N, C-alpha and C. Protein backbone atom coordinates (compact mmCIF):
# COMPACT_ATOMS: atom_id res chain seq x y z
N MET A 1 111.57 99.49 56.78
CA MET A 1 110.03 98.55 57.33
C MET A 1 109.24 99.88 57.83
N ARG A 2 108.20 99.77 57.58
CA ARG A 2 106.84 100.81 57.90
C ARG A 2 106.62 100.78 59.80
N THR A 3 106.39 101.34 59.91
CA THR A 3 105.81 100.93 61.79
C THR A 3 104.52 99.76 61.36
N SER A 4 103.59 99.79 60.74
CA SER A 4 102.32 99.36 59.96
C SER A 4 102.76 98.30 60.05
N GLN A 5 103.96 97.40 59.72
CA GLN A 5 104.26 95.86 58.58
C GLN A 5 105.22 95.36 60.17
N ILE A 6 105.86 96.24 60.65
CA ILE A 6 106.24 95.58 62.60
C ILE A 6 105.44 94.98 63.12
N ILE A 7 104.07 96.49 63.36
CA ILE A 7 103.30 95.40 63.51
C ILE A 7 102.50 95.21 63.88
N GLU A 8 102.19 95.07 62.30
CA GLU A 8 101.86 93.48 61.78
C GLU A 8 102.71 92.30 62.09
N GLU A 9 103.91 91.74 62.56
CA GLU A 9 105.49 91.09 62.76
C GLU A 9 104.57 90.29 63.60
N LEU A 10 104.15 91.59 64.66
CA LEU A 10 104.16 91.07 66.30
C LEU A 10 102.86 90.54 66.79
N GLU A 11 102.46 91.40 65.60
CA GLU A 11 100.75 90.35 66.11
C GLU A 11 100.40 89.29 65.62
N ARG A 12 101.34 88.75 65.27
CA ARG A 12 101.65 87.06 64.34
C ARG A 12 102.21 86.49 65.04
N GLU A 13 102.97 86.93 65.52
CA GLU A 13 104.39 85.88 67.36
C GLU A 13 103.59 86.21 68.43
N LEU A 14 102.47 87.14 68.05
CA LEU A 14 101.34 87.03 69.56
C LEU A 14 100.50 85.72 69.59
N LYS A 15 99.29 85.83 68.16
CA LYS A 15 98.96 84.64 67.75
C LYS A 15 99.30 83.46 67.70
N THR A 16 100.52 83.41 68.10
CA THR A 16 101.41 81.91 67.54
C THR A 16 102.06 81.93 68.69
N ARG A 17 102.32 82.79 70.20
CA ARG A 17 101.82 82.61 71.24
C ARG A 17 101.13 82.29 71.91
N GLU A 18 100.59 83.00 71.94
CA GLU A 18 99.02 82.09 72.06
C GLU A 18 98.31 81.28 72.05
N LYS A 19 98.94 80.37 70.87
CA LYS A 19 98.45 78.79 70.52
C LYS A 19 98.97 77.76 71.04
N LEU A 20 100.54 78.13 71.15
CA LEU A 20 101.77 77.34 71.42
C LEU A 20 101.64 77.15 73.27
N TYR A 21 101.69 78.50 73.89
CA TYR A 21 101.77 78.13 74.93
C TYR A 21 101.44 77.73 76.18
N PRO A 22 99.42 77.92 75.45
CA PRO A 22 98.74 76.65 77.10
C PRO A 22 99.84 75.76 76.76
N TYR A 23 100.72 74.48 75.37
CA TYR A 23 100.79 73.26 74.52
C TYR A 23 101.45 73.51 75.56
N TRP A 24 102.95 74.66 75.76
CA TRP A 24 103.97 74.34 75.96
C TRP A 24 104.36 74.67 78.24
N ILE A 25 102.99 74.82 78.58
CA ILE A 25 102.94 74.96 79.48
C ILE A 25 102.46 73.65 80.31
N ARG A 26 101.61 72.74 79.43
CA ARG A 26 101.47 71.22 79.73
C ARG A 26 102.05 70.67 80.13
N GLU A 27 103.04 71.15 79.25
CA GLU A 27 104.41 70.25 78.89
C GLU A 27 105.93 71.12 80.02
N GLN A 28 105.66 71.51 80.20
CA GLN A 28 105.79 72.12 81.54
C GLN A 28 107.38 72.84 80.77
N LYS A 29 107.26 73.33 79.52
CA LYS A 29 108.79 73.48 78.82
C LYS A 29 108.70 75.36 78.94
N ILE A 30 107.97 75.76 79.61
CA ILE A 30 107.75 77.40 80.28
C ILE A 30 106.44 77.24 81.11
N SER A 31 107.50 78.44 82.10
CA SER A 31 105.97 78.24 82.92
C SER A 31 104.56 79.25 82.89
N GLU A 32 103.62 79.57 83.62
CA GLU A 32 102.26 80.14 83.05
C GLU A 32 103.14 80.88 83.09
N THR A 33 103.41 81.65 84.53
CA THR A 33 104.26 82.48 84.71
C THR A 33 105.37 83.76 83.77
N VAL A 34 105.81 82.78 82.70
CA VAL A 34 106.55 83.82 82.40
C VAL A 34 105.87 83.12 80.55
N ALA A 35 104.88 82.63 80.92
CA ALA A 35 103.93 82.87 79.77
C ALA A 35 103.52 84.12 79.73
N LYS A 36 102.57 84.34 80.19
CA LYS A 36 101.84 85.27 81.34
C LYS A 36 103.22 86.89 80.55
N HIS A 37 103.94 87.21 80.89
CA HIS A 37 104.94 88.21 81.14
C HIS A 37 104.84 88.71 80.14
N ARG A 38 106.04 87.06 79.09
CA ARG A 38 106.10 87.25 77.65
C ARG A 38 104.68 87.62 76.68
N ILE A 39 103.89 87.51 76.53
CA ILE A 39 102.39 87.68 76.39
C ILE A 39 101.56 89.48 76.10
N ASP A 40 102.64 89.43 77.83
CA ASP A 40 102.16 91.43 78.26
C ASP A 40 102.84 91.33 77.47
N ALA A 41 103.48 91.50 77.62
CA ALA A 41 104.85 92.40 76.87
C ALA A 41 105.10 92.72 75.27
N LEU A 42 104.41 91.42 74.41
CA LEU A 42 104.45 91.63 72.84
C LEU A 42 103.06 92.46 73.09
N THR A 43 101.77 92.68 73.66
CA THR A 43 100.68 93.44 73.82
C THR A 43 100.99 94.93 74.10
N GLU A 44 102.28 95.29 74.95
CA GLU A 44 102.25 95.82 75.65
C GLU A 44 103.23 96.88 73.96
N ALA A 45 104.32 95.58 73.55
CA ALA A 45 105.01 96.79 72.80
C ALA A 45 103.66 97.33 71.06
N ILE A 46 102.81 96.42 71.05
CA ILE A 46 101.96 96.19 70.18
C ILE A 46 101.16 97.62 70.08
N ALA A 47 101.01 98.03 71.46
CA ALA A 47 100.00 98.63 71.91
C ALA A 47 100.51 100.10 71.66
N ILE A 48 101.93 99.58 71.77
CA ILE A 48 103.36 101.51 72.08
C ILE A 48 103.64 101.54 70.35
N LEU A 49 103.69 100.83 69.48
CA LEU A 49 103.98 100.57 68.13
C LEU A 49 102.74 101.67 67.69
N SER A 50 101.18 100.74 68.06
CA SER A 50 100.42 100.80 66.95
C SER A 50 100.39 103.03 67.34
N GLU A 51 99.95 103.34 68.77
CA GLU A 51 99.79 104.95 68.90
C GLU A 51 101.05 105.47 68.54
N LYS A 52 102.40 105.16 68.55
CA LYS A 52 103.34 105.86 66.66
C LYS A 52 102.99 106.01 66.40
N ASP A 53 102.60 104.60 65.12
CA ASP A 53 102.56 105.41 63.69
C ASP A 53 100.75 105.99 63.70
N LYS A 54 99.97 106.19 64.55
CA LYS A 54 98.46 106.83 65.00
C LYS A 54 98.93 108.55 64.50
N ALA A 55 100.34 108.50 65.83
CA ALA A 55 100.43 109.93 65.68
C ALA A 55 100.87 110.20 64.41
N GLU A 56 102.36 109.85 64.43
CA GLU A 56 102.95 109.35 62.63
C GLU A 56 101.83 110.08 61.51
N ASP A 57 101.25 109.21 61.28
CA ASP A 57 99.69 109.22 60.31
C ASP A 57 99.07 111.33 60.84
N THR A 58 99.04 111.21 61.94
CA THR A 58 98.11 112.55 62.05
C THR A 58 99.39 113.20 62.25
N GLN A 59 100.80 113.67 62.08
CA GLN A 59 101.77 113.85 61.44
C GLN A 59 101.84 114.30 59.90
N LEU A 60 101.10 113.46 59.06
CA LEU A 60 101.29 113.40 57.31
C LEU A 60 100.22 114.46 56.98
N THR A 61 99.13 113.56 57.72
CA THR A 61 98.14 114.37 57.51
C THR A 61 98.12 115.81 57.63
N LEU A 62 98.47 116.40 58.67
CA LEU A 62 98.52 117.76 59.18
C LEU A 62 99.55 118.56 58.13
N SER A 63 100.85 118.21 57.42
CA SER A 63 101.75 118.98 57.32
C SER A 63 100.92 119.22 56.30
N PHE A 64 102.60 120.34 55.50
CA PHE A 64 101.81 120.10 54.17
C PHE A 64 103.01 120.74 53.28
């Protein structure tokens, strides 16, 4: 699986969580602190993988 595919899946999951967590918080299924932590962790994972993907693209471009 390519890094870009993983990033797409993580972004899909992030959108799902951003949609569901407010409801879950209201229903007390998850605390606001836990929801924020999970969204922040997922956002950071996306950022890290995006940087990795860019670096890999640069290396491929520079390779002969």
